[in-house]
PDB file of N, CA and C in Angstrom:
ATOM      1  N   MET A   1       2.690  -8.176  11.744  1.00  0.00           N
ATOM      2  CA  MET A   1       3.121  -6.796  11.572  1.00  0.00           C
ATOM      3  C   MET A   1       2.064  -5.872  12.156  1.00  0.00           C
ATOM      4  N   LEU A   2       2.515  -4.912  12.928  1.00  0.00           N
ATOM      5  CA  LEU A   2       1.612  -3.981  13.574  1.00  0.00           C
ATOM      6  C   LEU A   2       1.486  -2.714  12.732  1.00  0.00           C
ATOM      7  N   PHE A   3       0.240  -2.375  12.357  1.00  0.00           N
ATOM      8  CA  PHE A   3      -0.024  -1.141  11.626  1.00  0.00           C
ATOM      9  C   PHE A   3      -1.462  -0.732  11.881  1.00  0.00           C
ATOM     10  N   GLU A   4      -1.763   0.515  11.553  1.00  0.00           N
ATOM     11  CA  GLU A   4      -3.108   1.040  11.682  1.00  0.00           C
ATOM     12  C   GLU A   4      -3.601   1.482  10.318  1.00  0.00           C
ATOM     13  N   LEU A   5      -4.907   1.532  10.155  1.00  0.00           N
ATOM     14  CA  LEU A   5      -5.524   2.062   8.951  1.00  0.00           C
ATOM     15  C   LEU A   5      -6.204   3.380   9.296  1.00  0.00           C
ATOM     16  N   THR A   6      -5.965   4.407   8.494  1.00  0.00           N
ATOM     17  CA  THR A   6      -6.713   5.645   8.684  1.00  0.00           C
ATOM     18  C   THR A   6      -8.154   5.399   8.242  1.00  0.00           C
ATOM     19  N   HIS A   7      -9.033   6.312   8.597  1.00  0.00           N
ATOM     20  CA  HIS A   7     -10.428   6.213   8.165  1.00  0.00           C
ATOM     21  C   HIS A   7     -10.495   6.161   6.642  1.00  0.00           C
ATOM     22  N   HIS A   8      -9.721   7.020   5.993  1.00  0.00           N
ATOM     23  CA  HIS A   8      -9.703   7.028   4.525  1.00  0.00           C
ATOM     24  C   HIS A   8      -9.246   5.678   3.978  1.00  0.00           C
ATOM     25  N   ALA A   9      -8.207   5.103   4.568  1.00  0.00           N
ATOM     26  CA  ALA A   9      -7.684   3.818   4.088  1.00  0.00           C
ATOM     27  C   ALA A   9      -8.730   2.715   4.232  1.00  0.00           C
ATOM     28  N   ARG A  10      -9.431   2.681   5.350  1.00  0.00           N
ATOM     29  CA  ARG A  10     -10.498   1.681   5.536  1.00  0.00           C
ATOM     30  C   ARG A  10     -11.553   1.789   4.441  1.00  0.00           C
ATOM     31  N   HIS A  11     -11.958   3.018   4.179  1.00  0.00           N
ATOM     32  CA  HIS A  11     -12.956   3.257   3.139  1.00  0.00           C
ATOM     33  C   HIS A  11     -12.414   2.862   1.761  1.00  0.00           C
ATOM     34  N   ALA A  12     -11.170   3.229   1.471  1.00  0.00           N
ATOM     35  CA  ALA A  12     -10.558   2.920   0.179  1.00  0.00           C
ATOM     36  C   ALA A  12     -10.449   1.413  -0.037  1.00  0.00           C
ATOM     37  N   LEU A  13     -10.032   0.665   0.987  1.00  0.00           N
ATOM     38  CA  LEU A  13      -9.909  -0.785   0.850  1.00  0.00           C
ATOM     39  C   LEU A  13     -11.267  -1.416   0.542  1.00  0.00           C
ATOM     40  N   GLU A  14     -12.271  -0.968   1.247  1.00  0.00           N
ATOM     41  CA  GLU A  14     -13.616  -1.510   1.032  1.00  0.00           C
ATOM     42  C   GLU A  14     -14.133  -1.155  -0.363  1.00  0.00           C
ATOM     43  N   GLU A  15     -14.018   0.102  -0.716  1.00  0.00           N
ATOM     44  CA  GLU A  15     -14.529   0.576  -2.001  1.00  0.00           C
ATOM     45  C   GLU A  15     -13.784  -0.051  -3.179  1.00  0.00           C
ATOM     46  N   ARG A  16     -12.472  -0.242  -3.038  1.00  0.00           N
ATOM     47  CA  ARG A  16     -11.637  -0.761  -4.129  1.00  0.00           C
ATOM     48  C   ARG A  16     -11.471  -2.277  -4.079  1.00  0.00           C
ATOM     49  N   LYS A  17     -12.152  -2.900  -3.116  1.00  0.00           N
ATOM     50  CA  LYS A  17     -12.116  -4.357  -2.953  1.00  0.00           C
ATOM     51  C   LYS A  17     -10.681  -4.887  -2.829  1.00  0.00           C
ATOM     52  N   ILE A  18      -9.931  -4.224  -1.950  1.00  0.00           N
ATOM     53  CA  ILE A  18      -8.551  -4.614  -1.665  1.00  0.00           C
ATOM     54  C   ILE A  18      -8.548  -5.369  -0.342  1.00  0.00           C
ATOM     55  N   ALA A  19      -8.083  -6.604  -0.377  1.00  0.00           N
ATOM     56  CA  ALA A  19      -8.068  -7.452   0.823  1.00  0.00           C
ATOM     57  C   ALA A  19      -6.996  -6.978   1.800  1.00  0.00           C
ATOM     58  N   LEU A  20      -7.337  -7.039   3.082  1.00  0.00           N
ATOM     59  CA  LEU A  20      -6.400  -6.623   4.118  1.00  0.00           C
ATOM     60  C   LEU A  20      -5.139  -7.479   4.100  1.00  0.00           C
ATOM     61  N   ASP A  21      -5.253  -8.763   3.773  1.00  0.00           N
ATOM     62  CA  ASP A  21      -4.050  -9.601   3.741  1.00  0.00           C
ATOM     63  C   ASP A  21      -3.105  -9.182   2.616  1.00  0.00           C
ATOM     64  N   TRP A  22      -3.628  -8.602   1.531  1.00  0.00           N
ATOM     65  CA  TRP A  22      -2.747  -8.090   0.475  1.00  0.00           C
ATOM     66  C   TRP A  22      -1.960  -6.893   1.003  1.00  0.00           C
ATOM     67  N   VAL A  23      -2.626  -6.029   1.754  1.00  0.00           N
ATOM     68  CA  VAL A  23      -1.959  -4.866   2.351  1.00  0.00           C
ATOM     69  C   VAL A  23      -0.871  -5.343   3.307  1.00  0.00           C
ATOM     70  N   GLU A  24      -1.209  -6.310   4.156  1.00  0.00           N
ATOM     71  CA  GLU A  24      -0.229  -6.844   5.100  1.00  0.00           C
ATOM     72  C   GLU A  24       0.979  -7.418   4.368  1.00  0.00           C
ATOM     73  N   ARG A  25       0.720  -8.142   3.287  1.00  0.00           N
ATOM     74  CA  ARG A  25       1.800  -8.769   2.514  1.00  0.00           C
ATOM     75  C   ARG A  25       2.744  -7.720   1.923  1.00  0.00           C
ATOM     76  N   VAL A  26       2.183  -6.667   1.325  1.00  0.00           N
ATOM     77  CA  VAL A  26       3.028  -5.631   0.717  1.00  0.00           C
ATOM     78  C   VAL A  26       3.764  -4.827   1.786  1.00  0.00           C
ATOM     79  N   LEU A  27       3.110  -4.546   2.902  1.00  0.00           N
ATOM     80  CA  LEU A  27       3.798  -3.830   3.982  1.00  0.00           C
ATOM     81  C   LEU A  27       4.973  -4.636   4.530  1.00  0.00           C
ATOM     82  N   ALA A  28       4.782  -5.941   4.673  1.00  0.00           N
ATOM     83  CA  ALA A  28       5.827  -6.800   5.234  1.00  0.00           C
ATOM     84  C   ALA A  28       6.972  -7.032   4.259  1.00  0.00           C
ATOM     85  N   ASN A  29       6.653  -7.143   2.964  1.00  0.00           N
ATOM     86  CA  ASN A  29       7.673  -7.456   1.948  1.00  0.00           C
ATOM     87  C   ASN A  29       7.436  -6.660   0.673  1.00  0.00           C
ATOM     88  N   PRO A  30       7.613  -5.346   0.717  1.00  0.00           N
ATOM     89  CA  PRO A  30       7.407  -4.550  -0.497  1.00  0.00           C
ATOM     90  C   PRO A  30       8.455  -4.884  -1.554  1.00  0.00           C
ATOM     91  N   GLU A  31       8.034  -4.872  -2.795  1.00  0.00           N
ATOM     92  CA  GLU A  31       8.980  -5.096  -3.895  1.00  0.00           C
ATOM     93  C   GLU A  31       9.749  -3.818  -4.209  1.00  0.00           C
ATOM     94  N   GLN A  32       9.156  -2.681  -3.848  1.00  0.00           N
ATOM     95  CA  GLN A  32       9.822  -1.399  -4.047  1.00  0.00           C
ATOM     96  C   GLN A  32       9.308  -0.415  -3.012  1.00  0.00           C
ATOM     97  N   ILE A  33      10.201   0.453  -2.544  1.00  0.00           N
ATOM     98  CA  ILE A  33       9.843   1.523  -1.610  1.00  0.00           C
ATOM     99  C   ILE A  33      10.398   2.824  -2.183  1.00  0.00           C
ATOM    100  N   GLU A  34       9.556   3.854  -2.181  1.00  0.00           N
ATOM    101  CA  GLU A  34       9.983   5.173  -2.649  1.00  0.00           C
ATOM    102  C   GLU A  34       9.599   6.213  -1.612  1.00  0.00           C
ATOM    103  N   PRO A  35      10.440   7.224  -1.410  1.00  0.00           N
ATOM    104  CA  PRO A  35      10.059   8.300  -0.484  1.00  0.00           C
ATOM    105  C   PRO A  35       8.934   9.129  -1.089  1.00  0.00           C
ATOM    106  N   HIS A  36       8.142   9.736  -0.242  1.00  0.00           N
ATOM    107  CA  HIS A  36       7.094  10.643  -0.706  1.00  0.00           C
ATOM    108  C   HIS A  36       7.766  11.905  -1.227  1.00  0.00           C
ATOM    109  N   GLU A  37       7.220  12.483  -2.264  1.00  0.00           N
ATOM    110  CA  GLU A  37       7.865  13.624  -2.904  1.00  0.00           C
ATOM    111  C   GLU A  37       7.860  14.903  -2.069  1.00  0.00           C
ATOM    112  N   PHE A  38       6.934  15.028  -1.115  1.00  0.00           N
ATOM    113  CA  PHE A  38       6.858  16.254  -0.315  1.00  0.00           C
ATOM    114  C   PHE A  38       6.975  16.030   1.184  1.00  0.00           C
ATOM    115  N   ASP A  39       6.515  14.898   1.671  1.00  0.00           N
ATOM    116  CA  ASP A  39       6.439  14.660   3.114  1.00  0.00           C
ATOM    117  C   ASP A  39       7.423  13.571   3.527  1.00  0.00           C
ATOM    118  N   PRO A  40       8.463  13.901   4.282  1.00  0.00           N
ATOM    119  CA  PRO A  40       9.466  12.904   4.659  1.00  0.00           C
ATOM    120  C   PRO A  40       8.937  11.826   5.614  1.00  0.00           C
ATOM    121  N   GLU A  41       7.752  12.026   6.188  1.00  0.00           N
ATOM    122  CA  GLU A  41       7.176  11.032   7.087  1.00  0.00           C
ATOM    123  C   GLU A  41       6.314  10.005   6.350  1.00  0.00           C
ATOM    124  N   LEU A  42       6.174  10.176   5.030  1.00  0.00           N
ATOM    125  CA  LEU A  42       5.400   9.240   4.226  1.00  0.00           C
ATOM    126  C   LEU A  42       6.308   8.504   3.253  1.00  0.00           C
ATOM    127  N   GLU A  43       5.894   7.291   2.892  1.00  0.00           N
ATOM    128  CA  GLU A  43       6.593   6.569   1.830  1.00  0.00           C
ATOM    129  C   GLU A  43       5.586   5.756   1.031  1.00  0.00           C
ATOM    130  N   HIS A  44       5.991   5.427  -0.188  1.00  0.00           N
ATOM    131  CA  HIS A  44       5.179   4.622  -1.095  1.00  0.00           C
ATOM    132  C   HIS A  44       5.757   3.209  -1.104  1.00  0.00           C
ATOM    133  N   ARG A  45       4.898   2.211  -0.984  1.00  0.00           N
ATOM    134  CA  ARG A  45       5.330   0.819  -1.057  1.00  0.00           C
ATOM    135  C   ARG A  45       4.524   0.124  -2.145  1.00  0.00           C
ATOM    136  N   PHE A  46       5.215  -0.725  -2.897  1.00  0.00           N
ATOM    137  CA  PHE A  46       4.608  -1.373  -4.043  1.00  0.00           C
ATOM    138  C   PHE A  46       4.815  -2.882  -3.983  1.00  0.00           C
ATOM    139  N   GLY A  47       3.826  -3.611  -4.447  1.00  0.00           N
ATOM    140  CA  GLY A  47       3.957  -5.060  -4.535  1.00  0.00           C
ATOM    141  C   GLY A  47       2.918  -5.633  -5.480  1.00  0.00           C
ATOM    142  N   LYS A  48       3.323  -6.646  -6.234  1.00  0.00           N
ATOM    143  CA  LYS A  48       2.402  -7.324  -7.152  1.00  0.00           C
ATOM    144  C   LYS A  48       1.476  -8.247  -6.371  1.00  0.00           C
ATOM    145  N   ILE A  49       0.224  -8.280  -6.783  1.00  0.00           N
ATOM    146  CA  ILE A  49      -0.774  -9.145  -6.170  1.00  0.00           C
ATOM    147  C   ILE A  49      -1.154 -10.208  -7.191  1.00  0.00           C
ATOM    148  N   VAL A  50      -0.661 -11.416  -6.972  1.00  0.00           N
ATOM    149  CA  VAL A  50      -0.876 -12.524  -7.908  1.00  0.00           C
ATOM    150  C   VAL A  50      -2.357 -12.782  -8.123  1.00  0.00           C
ATOM    151  N   GLU A  51      -3.130 -12.711  -7.037  1.00  0.00           N
ATOM    152  CA  GLU A  51      -4.566 -12.981  -7.119  1.00  0.00           C
ATOM    153  C   GLU A  51      -5.310 -11.978  -7.998  1.00  0.00           C
ATOM    154  N   GLN A  52      -4.678 -10.881  -8.318  1.00  0.00           N
ATOM    155  CA  GLN A  52      -5.271  -9.857  -9.177  1.00  0.00           C
ATOM    156  C   GLN A  52      -4.530  -9.765 -10.509  1.00  0.00           C
ATOM    157  N   GLY A  53      -4.011 -10.893 -10.956  1.00  0.00           N
ATOM    158  CA  GLY A  53      -3.340 -10.940 -12.255  1.00  0.00           C
ATOM    159  C   GLY A  53      -2.016 -10.208 -12.287  1.00  0.00           C
ATOM    160  N   GLY A  54      -1.383 -10.055 -11.125  1.00  0.00           N
ATOM    161  CA  GLY A  54      -0.086  -9.386 -11.069  1.00  0.00           C
ATOM    162  C   GLY A  54      -0.178  -7.872 -11.018  1.00  0.00           C
ATOM    163  N   ARG A  55      -1.384  -7.347 -10.813  1.00  0.00           N
ATOM    164  CA  ARG A  55      -1.523  -5.885 -10.688  1.00  0.00           C
ATOM    165  C   ARG A  55      -0.703  -5.401  -9.500  1.00  0.00           C
ATOM    166  N   VAL A  56      -0.221  -4.168  -9.586  1.00  0.00           N
ATOM    167  CA  VAL A  56       0.651  -3.608  -8.551  1.00  0.00           C
ATOM    168  C   VAL A  56      -0.178  -2.821  -7.542  1.00  0.00           C
ATOM    169  N   LEU A  57      -0.086  -3.244  -6.276  1.00  0.00           N
ATOM    170  CA  LEU A  57      -0.747  -2.538  -5.183  1.00  0.00           C
ATOM    171  C   LEU A  57       0.190  -1.444  -4.685  1.00  0.00           C
ATOM    172  N   HIS A  58      -0.315  -0.233  -4.643  1.00  0.00           N
ATOM    173  CA  HIS A  58       0.430   0.957  -4.221  1.00  0.00           C
ATOM    174  C   HIS A  58      -0.142   1.373  -2.866  1.00  0.00           C
ATOM    175  N   ILE A  59       0.708   1.404  -1.857  1.00  0.00           N
ATOM    176  CA  ILE A  59       0.275   1.770  -0.515  1.00  0.00           C
ATOM    177  C   ILE A  59       1.078   2.988  -0.057  1.00  0.00           C
ATOM    178  N   VAL A  60       0.375   3.983   0.456  1.00  0.00           N
ATOM    179  CA  VAL A  60       1.032   5.149   1.052  1.00  0.00           C
ATOM    180  C   VAL A  60       0.993   4.956   2.563  1.00  0.00           C
ATOM    181  N   VAL A  61       2.174   5.010   3.181  1.00  0.00           N
ATOM    182  CA  VAL A  61       2.319   4.695   4.600  1.00  0.00           C
ATOM    183  C   VAL A  61       2.956   5.861   5.349  1.00  0.00           C
ATOM    184  N   ALA A  62       2.371   6.185   6.495  1.00  0.00           N
ATOM    185  CA  ALA A  62       3.004   7.128   7.419  1.00  0.00           C
ATOM    186  C   ALA A  62       3.913   6.290   8.308  1.00  0.00           C
ATOM    187  N   THR A  63       5.207   6.545   8.204  1.00  0.00           N
ATOM    188  CA  THR A  63       6.156   5.761   8.981  1.00  0.00           C
ATOM    189  C   THR A  63       6.064   6.158  10.444  1.00  0.00           C
ATOM    190  N   GLY A  64       6.433   5.279  11.317  1.00  0.00           N
ATOM    191  CA  GLY A  64       6.360   5.514  12.758  1.00  0.00           C
ATOM    192  C   GLY A  64       6.017   4.211  13.442  1.00  0.00           C
ATOM    193  N   HIS A  65       5.706   4.328  14.702  1.00  0.00           N
ATOM    194  CA  HIS A  65       5.348   3.134  15.462  1.00  0.00           C
ATOM    195  C   HIS A  65       3.996   3.329  16.113  1.00  0.00           C
ATOM    196  N   PRO A  66       2.955   2.712  15.701  1.00  0.00           N
ATOM    197  CA  PRO A  66       2.900   1.808  14.552  1.00  0.00           C
ATOM    198  C   PRO A  66       2.795   2.594  13.250  1.00  0.00           C
ATOM    199  N   GLU A  67       3.080   1.919  12.146  1.00  0.00           N
ATOM    200  CA  GLU A  67       2.900   2.540  10.838  1.00  0.00           C
ATOM    201  C   GLU A  67       1.407   2.733  10.596  1.00  0.00           C
ATOM    202  N   ARG A  68       1.075   3.768   9.815  1.00  0.00           N
ATOM    203  CA  ARG A  68      -0.334   4.033   9.484  1.00  0.00           C
ATOM    204  C   ARG A  68      -0.505   4.022   7.972  1.00  0.00           C
ATOM    205  N   VAL A  69      -1.409   3.189   7.488  1.00  0.00           N
ATOM    206  CA  VAL A  69      -1.725   3.160   6.063  1.00  0.00           C
ATOM    207  C   VAL A  69      -2.652   4.335   5.787  1.00  0.00           C
ATOM    208  N   VAL A  70      -2.227   5.211   4.882  1.00  0.00           N
ATOM    209  CA  VAL A  70      -2.998   6.395   4.528  1.00  0.00           C
ATOM    210  C   VAL A  70      -3.990   6.068   3.418  1.00  0.00           C
ATOM    211  N   THR A  71      -3.527   5.336   2.405  1.00  0.00           N
ATOM    212  CA  THR A  71      -4.382   4.906   1.311  1.00  0.00           C
ATOM    213  C   THR A  71      -3.731   3.741   0.576  1.00  0.00           C
ATOM    214  N   ALA A  72      -4.522   3.073  -0.244  1.00  0.00           N
ATOM    215  CA  ALA A  72      -4.019   1.965  -1.051  1.00  0.00           C
ATOM    216  C   ALA A  72      -4.868   1.874  -2.316  1.00  0.00           C
ATOM    217  N   TYR A  73      -4.209   1.543  -3.414  1.00  0.00           N
ATOM    218  CA  TYR A  73      -4.924   1.401  -4.683  1.00  0.00           C
ATOM    219  C   TYR A  73      -4.072   0.605  -5.654  1.00  0.00           C
ATOM    220  N   PHE A  74      -4.727   0.058  -6.675  1.00  0.00           N
ATOM    221  CA  PHE A  74      -3.999  -0.621  -7.732  1.00  0.00           C
ATOM    222  C   PHE A  74      -3.498   0.444  -8.693  1.00  0.00           C
ATOM    223  N   ASP A  75      -2.183   0.480  -8.864  1.00  0.00           N
ATOM    224  CA  ASP A  75      -1.524   1.530  -9.633  1.00  0.00           C
ATOM    225  C   ASP A  75      -1.501   1.166 -11.115  1.00  0.00           C
ATOM    226  N   ARG A  76      -2.297   1.827 -11.892  1.00  0.00           N
ATOM    227  CA  ARG A  76      -2.390   1.542 -13.338  1.00  0.00           C
ATOM    228  C   ARG A  76      -1.148   1.962 -14.096  1.00  0.00           C
ATOM    229  N   THR A  77      -0.331   2.838 -13.527  1.00  0.00           N
ATOM    230  CA  THR A  77       0.876   3.293 -14.214  1.00  0.00           C
ATOM    231  C   THR A  77       2.026   2.297 -14.073  1.00  0.00           C
ATOM    232  N   ARG A  78       1.870   1.284 -13.237  1.00  0.00           N
ATOM    233  CA  ARG A  78       2.939   0.319 -12.987  1.00  0.00           C
ATOM    234  C   ARG A  78       2.461  -1.077 -13.349  1.00  0.00           C
ATOM    235  N   LYS A  79       2.130  -1.284 -14.569  1.00  0.00           N
ATOM    236  CA  LYS A  79       1.587  -2.561 -15.021  1.00  0.00           C
ATOM    237  C   LYS A  79       2.622  -3.681 -14.904  1.00  0.00           C
ATOM    238  N   GLY A  80       2.451  -4.514 -13.878  1.00  0.00           N
ATOM    239  CA  GLY A  80       3.283  -5.697 -13.718  1.00  0.00           C
ATOM    240  C   GLY A  80       4.662  -5.472 -13.130  1.00  0.00           C
ATOM    241  N   THR A  81       5.117  -4.223 -13.048  1.00  0.00           N
ATOM    242  CA  THR A  81       6.434  -3.981 -12.454  1.00  0.00           C
ATOM    243  C   THR A  81       6.333  -2.881 -11.410  1.00  0.00           C
ATOM    244  N   PRO A  82       6.718  -3.195 -10.192  1.00  0.00           N
ATOM    245  CA  PRO A  82       6.667  -2.171  -9.145  1.00  0.00           C
ATOM    246  C   PRO A  82       7.730  -1.147  -9.317  1.00  0.00           C
TER     247      PRO A  82
END
């Protein structure tokens, strides 16, 4: 899957110890997708990460070609269910 990481996303992944392969996995097969509440060019993608005890990885993506990951974090409000 072809995508780019913004500078912020690179920093967030490193700081939050989020593996790039987890991001790739959720981008390729999200368990849930939601539109962004204000920006139609952004969407939220969610997926459980087994290696992190089933925590839900929340990725904000700028749609387009290629897609751009804006940020990613483990979403504490979605415990176990995307």
